[in-house]
C-alpha atoms as a PDB file:
ATOM      1  CA  ILE A   1       0.116  -0.160   0.041  1.00  0.00           C
ATOM      2  CA  SER A   2       1.145   3.458  -0.951  1.00  0.00           C
ATOM      3  CA  THR A   3      -0.386   6.848  -0.330  1.00  0.00           C
ATOM      4  CA  THR A   4       0.128   9.848  -2.546  1.00  0.00           C
ATOM      5  CA  CYS A   5      -0.189  12.683  -0.124  1.00  0.00           C
ATOM      6  CA  LEU A   6      -1.376  16.110  -1.360  1.00  0.00           C
ATOM      7  CA  HIS A   7      -0.771  19.437   0.510  1.00  0.00           C
ATOM      8  CA  LYS A   8      -4.146  20.837   1.921  1.00  0.00           C
ATOM      9  CA  GLU A   9      -3.585  24.129   0.470  1.00  0.00           C
ATOM     10  CA  VAL A  10      -1.443  23.327  -2.668  1.00  0.00           C
ATOM     11  CA  LEU A  11      -3.027  20.333  -4.286  1.00  0.00           C
ATOM     12  CA  LEU A  12      -0.155  20.344  -6.879  1.00  0.00           C
ATOM     13  CA  GLN A  13       2.406  19.513  -4.171  1.00  0.00           C
ATOM     14  CA  VAL A  14       3.142  15.784  -3.027  1.00  0.00           C
ATOM     15  CA  LEU A  15       4.858  14.529  -0.197  1.00  0.00           C
ATOM     16  CA  LEU A  16       8.023  12.311  -0.521  1.00  0.00           C
ATOM     17  CA  VAL A  17       9.969  10.661   2.340  1.00  0.00           C
ATOM     18  CA  THR A  18      13.542   9.463   2.326  1.00  0.00           C
ATOM     19  CA  SER A  19      14.204   5.742   1.662  1.00  0.00           C
ATOM     20  CA  SER A  20      15.201   3.671   4.594  1.00  0.00           C
ATOM     21  CA  ARG A  21      17.829   1.897   2.354  1.00  0.00           C
ATOM     22  CA  ARG A  22      19.148   5.009   0.663  1.00  0.00           C
ATOM     23  CA  PRO A  23      18.614   8.066   2.759  1.00  0.00           C
ATOM     24  CA  ASP A  24      19.578  10.375   0.011  1.00  0.00           C
ATOM     25  CA  SER A  25      16.758   9.096  -2.231  1.00  0.00           C
ATOM     26  CA  TRP A  26      13.162  10.092  -2.071  1.00  0.00           C
ATOM     27  CA  ILE A  27      10.054   7.740  -2.241  1.00  0.00           C
ATOM     28  CA  VAL A  28       6.309   7.697  -1.902  1.00  0.00           C
ATOM     29  CA  PRO A  29       5.432   6.617   1.725  1.00  0.00           C
ATOM     30  CA  GLY A  30       4.020   3.053   1.948  1.00  0.00           C
ATOM     31  CA  GLY A  31       4.228  -0.408   3.350  1.00  0.00           C
ATOM     32  CA  GLY A  32       2.775  -3.892   3.944  1.00  0.00           C
ATOM     33  CA  VAL A  33      -0.690  -4.686   4.886  1.00  0.00           C
ATOM     34  CA  GLU A  34      -0.930  -6.283   8.392  1.00  0.00           C
ATOM     35  CA  PRO A  35      -3.075  -9.591   8.685  1.00  0.00           C
ATOM     36  CA  GLU A  36      -6.829  -8.724   8.747  1.00  0.00           C
ATOM     37  CA  GLU A  37      -6.171  -5.062   8.202  1.00  0.00           C
ATOM     38  CA  GLU A  38      -8.042  -3.100   5.584  1.00  0.00           C
ATOM     39  CA  PRO A  39      -5.845  -1.584   2.945  1.00  0.00           C
ATOM     40  CA  SER A  40      -7.322   1.886   3.629  1.00  0.00           C
ATOM     41  CA  VAL A  41      -6.284   1.546   7.407  1.00  0.00           C
ATOM     42  CA  THR A  42      -2.679   0.370   6.174  1.00  0.00           C
ATOM     43  CA  ALA A  43      -2.373   3.657   3.993  1.00  0.00           C
ATOM     44  CA  THR A  44      -3.310   5.876   6.913  1.00  0.00           C
ATOM     45  CA  ARG A  45      -0.959   4.097   9.249  1.00  0.00           C
ATOM     46  CA  GLU A  46       2.054   3.937   7.089  1.00  0.00           C
ATOM     47  CA  VAL A  47       1.995   7.556   6.212  1.00  0.00           C
ATOM     48  CA  LEU A  48       1.634   8.368   9.901  1.00  0.00           C
ATOM     49  CA  GLU A  49       4.667   6.032  10.647  1.00  0.00           C
ATOM     50  CA  GLU A  50       6.819   7.073   7.624  1.00  0.00           C
ATOM     51  CA  ALA A  51       6.092  10.656   7.047  1.00  0.00           C
ATOM     52  CA  GLY A  52       4.412  11.744  10.201  1.00  0.00           C
ATOM     53  CA  VAL A  53       1.161  13.201   8.653  1.00  0.00           C
ATOM     54  CA  ILE A  54      -2.433  12.937   9.243  1.00  0.00           C
ATOM     55  CA  GLY A  55      -5.163  13.687   6.764  1.00  0.00           C
ATOM     56  CA  LYS A  56      -8.365  12.840   4.791  1.00  0.00           C
ATOM     57  CA  LEU A  57      -7.922   9.605   2.993  1.00  0.00           C
ATOM     58  CA  GLY A  58      -9.492   9.784  -0.489  1.00  0.00           C
ATOM     59  CA  ARG A  59     -10.051   7.364  -3.243  1.00  0.00           C
ATOM     60  CA  SER A  60      -7.729   4.637  -4.429  1.00  0.00           C
ATOM     61  CA  LEU A  61      -5.641   5.660  -7.475  1.00  0.00           C
ATOM     62  CA  GLY A  62      -5.558   1.897  -8.534  1.00  0.00           C
ATOM     63  CA  VAL A  63      -3.594  -1.067  -8.056  1.00  0.00           C
ATOM     64  CA  PHE A  64      -0.210  -1.024  -9.806  1.00  0.00           C
ATOM     65  CA  GLU A  65       1.753  -4.195 -10.731  1.00  0.00           C
ATOM     66  CA  ASN A  66       5.428  -4.613 -10.535  1.00  0.00           C
ATOM     67  CA  THR A  67       6.306  -7.532 -12.559  1.00  0.00           C
ATOM     68  CA  GLU A  68       9.964  -7.250 -11.831  1.00  0.00           C
ATOM     69  CA  HIS A  69       9.609  -7.485  -8.117  1.00  0.00           C
ATOM     70  CA  LYS A  70       6.254  -9.653  -8.397  1.00  0.00           C
ATOM     71  CA  HIS A  71       4.076  -7.661  -6.246  1.00  0.00           C
ATOM     72  CA  ARG A  72       1.226  -5.242  -6.411  1.00  0.00           C
ATOM     73  CA  THR A  73       0.677  -1.854  -4.657  1.00  0.00           C
ATOM     74  CA  GLU A  74      -2.668  -0.336  -4.214  1.00  0.00           C
ATOM     75  CA  VAL A  75      -2.279   3.579  -3.929  1.00  0.00           C
ATOM     76  CA  TYR A  76      -4.505   5.866  -2.249  1.00  0.00           C
ATOM     77  CA  VAL A  77      -4.843   9.827  -2.244  1.00  0.00           C
ATOM     78  CA  MET A  78      -4.659  11.757   0.930  1.00  0.00           C
ATOM     79  CA  ILE A  79      -5.137  15.362   1.633  1.00  0.00           C
ATOM     80  CA  VAL A  80      -2.842  16.160   4.637  1.00  0.00           C
ATOM     81  CA  THR A  81      -4.297  18.239   7.173  1.00  0.00           C
ATOM     82  CA  GLU A  82      -1.643  18.056  10.041  1.00  0.00           C
ATOM     83  CA  GLU A  83       2.233  17.496  10.048  1.00  0.00           C
ATOM     84  CA  LEU A  84       3.637  16.173  13.280  1.00  0.00           C
ATOM     85  CA  GLU A  85       7.011  17.761  14.350  1.00  0.00           C
ATOM     86  CA  GLU A  86       8.334  14.233  15.363  1.00  0.00           C
ATOM     87  CA  TRP A  87       7.118  10.850  14.172  1.00  0.00           C
ATOM     88  CA  GLU A  88       7.982   7.197  14.464  1.00  0.00           C
ATOM     89  CA  ASP A  89      10.514   6.905  11.542  1.00  0.00           C
ATOM     90  CA  SER A  90      12.061  10.303  12.208  1.00  0.00           C
ATOM     91  CA  ARG A  91      13.027   9.206  15.641  1.00  0.00           C
ATOM     92  CA  SER A  92      13.916   5.660  14.783  1.00  0.00           C
ATOM     93  CA  MET A  93      15.897   6.168  11.705  1.00  0.00           C
ATOM     94  CA  GLY A  94      16.076   9.914  10.834  1.00  0.00           C
ATOM     95  CA  ARG A  95      13.691   9.623   8.064  1.00  0.00           C
ATOM     96  CA  LYS A  96      12.778  13.063   6.423  1.00  0.00           C
ATOM     97  CA  ARG A  97       9.952  14.274   4.446  1.00  0.00           C
ATOM     98  CA  GLN A  98       9.636  17.126   1.914  1.00  0.00           C
ATOM     99  CA  TRP A  99       6.999  18.710  -0.324  1.00  0.00           C
ATOM    100  CA  PHE A 100       7.594  18.725  -3.958  1.00  0.00           C
ATOM    101  CA  THR A 101       5.801  19.945  -7.089  1.00  0.00           C
ATOM    102  CA  ILE A 102       4.578  16.962  -9.093  1.00  0.00           C
ATOM    103  CA  ASN A 103       7.237  17.718 -11.670  1.00  0.00           C
ATOM    104  CA  GLU A 104       9.889  17.709  -9.064  1.00  0.00           C
ATOM    105  CA  ALA A 105       8.566  14.525  -7.515  1.00  0.00           C
ATOM    106  CA  LEU A 106       8.714  12.803 -10.895  1.00  0.00           C
ATOM    107  CA  GLU A 107      12.232  13.780 -11.256  1.00  0.00           C
ATOM    108  CA  LYS A 108      13.274  12.549  -7.703  1.00  0.00           C
ATOM    109  CA  LEU A 109      11.382   9.252  -8.101  1.00  0.00           C
ATOM    110  CA  ALA A 110      13.107   8.582 -11.624  1.00  0.00           C
ATOM    111  CA  LEU A 111      16.406   8.217  -9.740  1.00  0.00           C
ATOM    112  CA  HIS A 112      15.601   5.578  -7.176  1.00  0.00           C
ATOM    113  CA  LYS A 113      11.917   4.372  -7.674  1.00  0.00           C
ATOM    114  CA  PRO A 114      10.973   4.873 -11.299  1.00  0.00           C
ATOM    115  CA  VAL A 115       7.770   2.534 -10.879  1.00  0.00           C
ATOM    116  CA  GLN A 116       6.353   4.993  -8.382  1.00  0.00           C
ATOM    117  CA  ARG A 117       6.296   7.650 -11.148  1.00  0.00           C
ATOM    118  CA  HIS A 118       3.160   5.795 -12.455  1.00  0.00           C
ATOM    119  CA  TYR A 119       1.339   6.748  -9.270  1.00  0.00           C
ATOM    120  CA  LEU A 120       1.759  10.503  -9.963  1.00  0.00           C
ATOM    121  CA  GLN A 121       1.183  10.062 -13.634  1.00  0.00           C
ATOM    122  CA  GLN A 122      -2.077   8.426 -12.910  1.00  0.00           C
ATOM    123  CA  LEU A 123      -2.891  11.405 -10.560  1.00  0.00           C
ATOM    124  CA  LEU A 124      -2.335  13.805 -13.268  1.00  0.00           C
ATOM    125  CA  ARG A 125      -4.421  11.924 -15.620  1.00  0.00           C
ATOM    126  CA  SER A 126      -7.438  11.755 -13.319  1.00  0.00           C
ATOM    127  CA  LYS A 127      -8.805  14.367 -11.053  1.00  0.00           C
ATOM    128  CA  LEU A 128      -6.356  15.241  -8.305  1.00  0.00           C
ATOM    129  CA  THR A 129      -8.751  14.233  -5.688  1.00  0.00           C
END
């Protein structure tokens, strides 16, 4: 599960977090579904853990298949309404978050997580929320 987080006042900005494996690289926050957990609950939990944000979870952007790594990711849209000063991954691993324009985010993702660019391209093709 991944969540494309949009700024509550500037919907053309998306939130990326630093990668746990490569702290100089930026990725879309997300993670695995716990047993018996609804995907929407996972999306909300993961952005709180990884990015320290709270917001209004919107629609699913769709399910994206990564044939190279043989897994599927459902991606949600969230309008961020609150940013915590400290959060789980900032304390435990020094993870950072940053707002980017969609074009900047596409450039950042091209370097480390090109498959995640599809999430933002789908967002641009559809209504933002």
